[in-house]
Every structure is written in C-alpha cells, then in structure tokens.
Amino acid sequence: MEEAQPKRTSIRDDALNLPNLLTMLRIALIPGVLWLLWDGTPEANFWAAMLYIGTALTDLIDGYLARKWGQISVLGQFLDPLADKLLVMATLIFLAYLGRLPLLGVVAVIIMLARELSVTALRTIAMSEGVVMAAMRTGKDKAALQNVAILMLIVHHRYTIYFGFYQTEFDFAQVGLLLLYLSLALALFSGGEYVKLFVDAVDAKDERLTQATS
C-alpha cells in the first residue's frame, strides 16, 4: 500500500490532525512527569519513568503517522522538535532543581540548554534565508542517549538485579550521569556539525546569488 502524499491544509486542520494532536499531547504530559518526580518516592520515580517513556514514544508514532497519512505540515514541523526539546530540557532542569544532579551535572545541563537554543536559532535564521538544515545523524544519536540518561536519572535509586543465581547492585543515578556526560559530548559534536552545515549552506547560497548577478 502506498503512503498518502502530503496535502495542503489550513492551520486549523493541521492542529486537529492526529499526528499534531499526539505532539500536543506530548507537551501536555510533561507536567505529569515533573509532578511524579516531585514526589520522589521509588514508586513515583517508577511511574515517572513509565510516563516519560510513553511521552517519548509519541514522537515515533506521530512522525510515522504524519508520513503514512500525508499529514506532514508546517505546524507539525514546528511543534515536533519543540515538544522534544521541552520534554528533555524541562525534565533535566527539574532534576537539577531537585538536587539529583551534582555540580558537574548541572553545568552539563546548562551547556546542553545553550546548545539547543543555539541550534534552534541557526535553524530559524537558515529557514528565513530559504536554507533547509536537515537533522543530523549525530543529533539523533545524541537525543537517544539523552533519553536513556534521563530515564536512569528518573529511576534514581540503587536496585539489586538478579540474573539467575547471580545478583548485582545497579546504581541508576550513576549510570544516568555517565550517559548524560556522553550525550553532552555528542551534543557539542553535533552542534559543531550544525554550525558547519549552516556556514556551508549560506556560503553556497551567496555563491549562487553572485553567479546569477555576474
């Protein structure tokens, strides 16, 4: 079966299509994750992790449905990355506020926030210049690693894990911190790639304009 092709619709229709409704649901569920984190008990942390997973999964579902049903829209292209950034950064900032991150972890979150704002600004400028900056593979890898790190930090506690007759202690908070630092390295690397992509794209556009007017 062929996938439906994108079709031109009004902003009102875009807001009411299922992929965009799922994206808006993702934003609406963020306070629920934060509220459960505020409770701080192991049970609340578990349910916060489950809600975070469910919220993050809507990103895969809405993208798939938008492509399959031909409902890719300007509104969706704006809301989808915004929802992703709000979910990740709101959760990380709240974890820092709750004191679950050491000073180095707080610094990592600040750098990540600055990186996200910078890349968003570059994409906005590029769009205004008619230049499309496609998502980079390293950026997607960074996002995946960030989400795993956040899940570990949400669970937070140390648990005994059993493998048959063997058991070991697993410290979710420490593993989450390690993954957070690794995702920071990827964030900085992919941020550099976006800067290079932006400069190359703008230079290429300027060169085409120069050739057209010469």
Protein backbone atom coordinates (compact mmCIF):
# COMPACT_ATOMS: atom_id res chain seq x y z
CA MET A 1 0.00 0.00 0.00
CA GLU A 2 1.37 3.41 -0.96
CA GLU A 3 1.71 6.09 1.67
CA ALA A 4 -0.51 9.12 1.33
CA GLN A 5 1.12 12.21 -0.10
CA PRO A 6 1.30 15.45 1.90
CA LYS A 7 -1.59 17.75 1.16
CA ARG A 8 -2.12 21.46 1.63
CA THR A 9 -4.39 22.19 4.62
CA SER A 10 -5.35 25.10 6.85
CA ILE A 11 -3.68 25.73 10.21
CA ARG A 12 -6.95 24.73 11.92
CA ASP A 13 -6.99 21.40 10.08
CA ASP A 14 -3.30 20.88 10.89
CA ALA A 15 -3.97 21.43 14.58
CA LEU A 16 -6.72 18.82 14.57
CA ASN A 17 -4.94 16.04 12.67
CA LEU A 18 -3.90 13.04 14.77
CA PRO A 19 -0.09 13.40 14.44
CA ASN A 20 -0.20 17.00 15.66
CA LEU A 21 -2.67 16.11 18.42
CA LEU A 22 -0.17 13.47 19.62
CA THR A 23 2.59 16.09 19.56
CA MET A 24 0.46 18.45 21.65
CA LEU A 25 -0.34 15.56 23.99
CA ARG A 26 3.41 15.07 24.45
CA ILE A 27 3.71 18.67 25.62
CA ALA A 28 0.65 18.34 27.88
CA LEU A 29 2.09 15.26 29.63
CA ILE A 30 5.32 17.00 30.67
CA PRO A 31 3.81 18.44 33.91
CA GLY A 32 2.74 14.90 34.86
CA VAL A 33 6.34 13.68 34.65
CA LEU A 34 7.52 16.62 36.77
CA TRP A 35 4.77 16.13 39.35
CA LEU A 36 5.73 12.48 39.85
CA LEU A 37 9.39 13.47 40.15
CA TRP A 38 8.45 15.98 42.84
CA ASP A 39 7.02 13.13 44.94
CA GLY A 40 10.44 11.50 44.95
CA THR A 41 9.47 8.05 46.24
CA PRO A 42 10.75 4.95 44.40
CA GLU A 43 7.19 4.18 43.30
CA ALA A 44 6.66 7.71 41.97
CA ASN A 45 10.03 7.57 40.20
CA PHE A 46 8.98 4.32 38.52
CA TRP A 47 5.73 5.81 37.26
CA ALA A 48 7.53 8.98 36.18
CA ALA A 49 9.87 6.80 34.12
CA MET A 50 6.91 4.93 32.59
CA LEU A 51 5.15 8.20 31.74
CA TYR A 52 8.37 9.59 30.27
CA ILE A 53 8.72 6.51 28.06
CA GLY A 54 5.10 6.80 26.92
CA THR A 55 5.51 10.50 26.24
CA ALA A 56 8.72 9.97 24.28
CA LEU A 57 7.12 7.16 22.23
CA THR A 58 4.51 9.57 20.89
CA ASP A 59 7.39 11.17 18.97
CA LEU A 60 7.87 7.96 16.97
CA ILE A 61 4.14 7.45 16.47
CA ASP A 62 3.26 10.98 15.34
CA GLY A 63 6.14 11.06 12.85
CA TYR A 64 5.16 7.69 11.39
CA LEU A 65 1.50 8.64 11.07
CA ALA A 66 2.30 12.03 9.54
CA ARG A 67 4.38 10.36 6.82
CA LYS A 68 1.97 7.47 6.24
CA TRP A 69 -1.16 9.60 6.04
CA GLY A 70 0.41 12.51 4.19
CA GLN A 71 -0.24 14.86 7.11
CA ILE A 72 3.20 16.45 7.28
CA SER A 73 2.52 20.13 7.96
CA VAL A 74 4.33 23.35 8.76
CA LEU A 75 2.70 23.34 12.21
CA GLY A 76 3.88 19.78 12.84
CA GLN A 77 7.42 20.55 11.69
CA PHE A 78 7.46 23.40 14.21
CA LEU A 79 5.75 21.63 17.11
CA ASP A 80 7.52 18.25 16.92
CA PRO A 81 11.10 19.41 17.67
CA LEU A 82 9.73 21.95 20.16
CA ALA A 83 7.94 19.17 22.07
CA ASP A 84 11.10 17.05 22.10
CA LYS A 85 13.22 19.88 23.48
CA LEU A 86 10.61 20.86 26.08
CA LEU A 87 10.35 17.27 27.35
CA VAL A 88 14.11 16.74 27.61
CA MET A 89 15.14 20.14 28.94
CA ALA A 90 12.21 20.55 31.38
CA THR A 91 12.96 17.15 32.90
CA LEU A 92 16.71 17.79 33.16
CA ILE A 93 16.22 21.25 34.67
CA PHE A 94 13.73 19.84 37.20
CA LEU A 95 16.12 17.00 38.11
CA ALA A 96 18.79 19.64 38.76
CA TYR A 97 16.31 21.68 40.83
CA LEU A 98 15.53 18.61 42.95
CA GLY A 99 19.23 18.19 43.71
CA ARG A 100 19.56 14.91 41.85
CA LEU A 101 22.49 16.18 39.78
CA PRO A 102 25.96 17.08 41.08
CA LEU A 103 27.50 20.43 40.15
CA LEU A 104 29.14 18.93 37.05
CA GLY A 105 25.76 17.53 36.00
CA VAL A 106 24.14 20.96 36.42
CA VAL A 107 26.89 22.50 34.27
CA ALA A 108 26.25 19.81 31.63
CA VAL A 109 22.54 20.68 31.59
CA ILE A 110 23.31 24.41 31.19
CA ILE A 111 25.65 23.67 28.27
CA MET A 112 23.02 21.41 26.67
CA LEU A 113 20.39 24.13 27.02
CA ALA A 114 22.72 26.67 25.40
CA ARG A 115 23.42 24.20 22.59
CA GLU A 116 19.72 23.59 21.93
CA LEU A 117 18.97 27.32 21.86
CA SER A 118 21.91 27.96 19.52
CA VAL A 119 20.97 25.21 17.06
CA THR A 120 17.33 26.35 17.11
CA ALA A 121 18.46 29.92 16.38
CA LEU A 122 20.65 28.72 13.49
CA ARG A 123 17.78 26.72 12.01
CA THR A 124 15.43 29.70 12.33
CA ILE A 125 17.92 32.00 10.59
CA ALA A 126 18.54 29.39 7.90
CA MET A 127 14.80 28.98 7.31
CA SER A 128 14.39 32.74 6.95
CA GLU A 129 17.14 32.63 4.29
CA GLY A 130 15.44 29.78 2.46
CA VAL A 131 18.08 27.27 3.57
CA VAL A 132 16.97 23.86 4.87
CA MET A 133 19.09 22.31 7.64
CA ALA A 134 18.23 18.63 7.80
CA ALA A 135 18.53 16.72 11.07
CA MET A 136 22.00 15.19 11.52
CA ARG A 137 22.55 11.54 12.46
CA THR A 138 24.74 12.59 15.41
CA GLY A 139 21.93 14.84 16.62
CA LYS A 140 19.54 11.88 16.59
CA ASP A 141 22.09 9.71 18.42
CA LYS A 142 22.50 12.47 20.99
CA ALA A 143 18.75 12.64 21.54
CA ALA A 144 18.50 8.86 22.00
CA LEU A 145 21.37 8.84 24.51
CA GLN A 146 19.84 11.80 26.36
CA ASN A 147 16.54 9.98 26.74
CA VAL A 148 18.20 6.85 28.14
CA ALA A 149 20.24 9.01 30.54
CA ILE A 150 17.11 10.84 31.70
CA LEU A 151 15.28 7.56 32.32
CA MET A 152 18.16 6.36 34.50
CA LEU A 153 18.20 9.66 36.40
CA ILE A 154 14.44 9.50 36.91
CA VAL A 155 14.60 5.99 38.42
CA HIS A 156 17.47 7.36 40.52
CA HIS A 157 17.81 4.68 43.18
CA ARG A 158 20.16 1.72 43.52
CA TYR A 159 18.49 -1.64 42.93
CA THR A 160 19.55 -5.26 43.22
CA ILE A 161 19.24 -7.00 39.87
CA TYR A 162 19.11 -10.79 39.66
CA PHE A 163 20.48 -12.94 36.84
CA GLY A 164 19.53 -16.46 37.85
CA PHE A 165 21.65 -17.25 40.91
CA TYR A 166 23.79 -14.14 40.34
CA GLN A 167 22.85 -10.74 41.72
CA THR A 168 24.42 -7.31 41.43
CA GLU A 169 23.76 -3.76 42.56
CA PHE A 170 22.79 -1.35 39.79
CA ASP A 171 23.06 2.36 40.55
CA PHE A 172 20.68 4.05 38.12
CA ALA A 173 21.74 7.57 39.14
CA GLN A 174 25.45 7.00 38.49
CA VAL A 175 24.88 5.22 35.18
CA GLY A 176 22.48 8.00 34.18
CA LEU A 177 25.11 10.63 34.95
CA LEU A 178 27.70 8.81 32.85
CA LEU A 179 25.29 8.65 29.92
CA LEU A 180 24.42 12.32 30.43
CA TYR A 181 28.08 13.30 30.08
CA LEU A 182 28.41 11.13 26.97
CA SER A 183 25.32 12.77 25.48
CA LEU A 184 26.88 16.17 26.23
CA ALA A 185 29.94 15.20 24.18
CA LEU A 186 27.66 14.16 21.31
CA ALA A 187 25.64 17.37 21.72
CA LEU A 188 28.76 19.51 21.34
CA PHE A 189 30.00 17.48 18.37
CA SER A 190 26.64 17.59 16.57
CA GLY A 191 26.34 21.30 17.42
CA GLY A 192 29.64 21.88 15.62
CA GLU A 193 28.29 19.92 12.65
CA TYR A 194 25.20 22.14 12.53
CA VAL A 195 27.36 25.28 12.59
CA LYS A 196 29.44 23.93 9.69
CA LEU A 197 26.31 22.92 7.81
CA PHE A 198 24.85 26.40 8.32
CA VAL A 199 28.02 28.18 7.16
CA ASP A 200 28.40 25.92 4.11
CA ALA A 201 24.74 26.33 3.15
CA VAL A 202 24.84 30.12 3.46
CA ASP A 203 28.13 30.30 1.52
CA ALA A 204 26.66 28.12 -1.22
CA LYS A 205 23.60 30.34 -1.44
CA ASP A 206 25.74 33.50 -1.59
CA GLU A 207 27.85 31.93 -4.34
CA ARG A 208 24.76 31.09 -6.39
CA LEU A 209 23.47 34.65 -6.00
CA THR A 210 26.85 36.05 -7.04
CA GLN A 211 26.94 33.84 -10.13
CA ALA A 212 23.37 34.79 -11.01
CA THR A 213 24.11 38.52 -10.87
CA SER A 214 27.52 38.41 -12.57
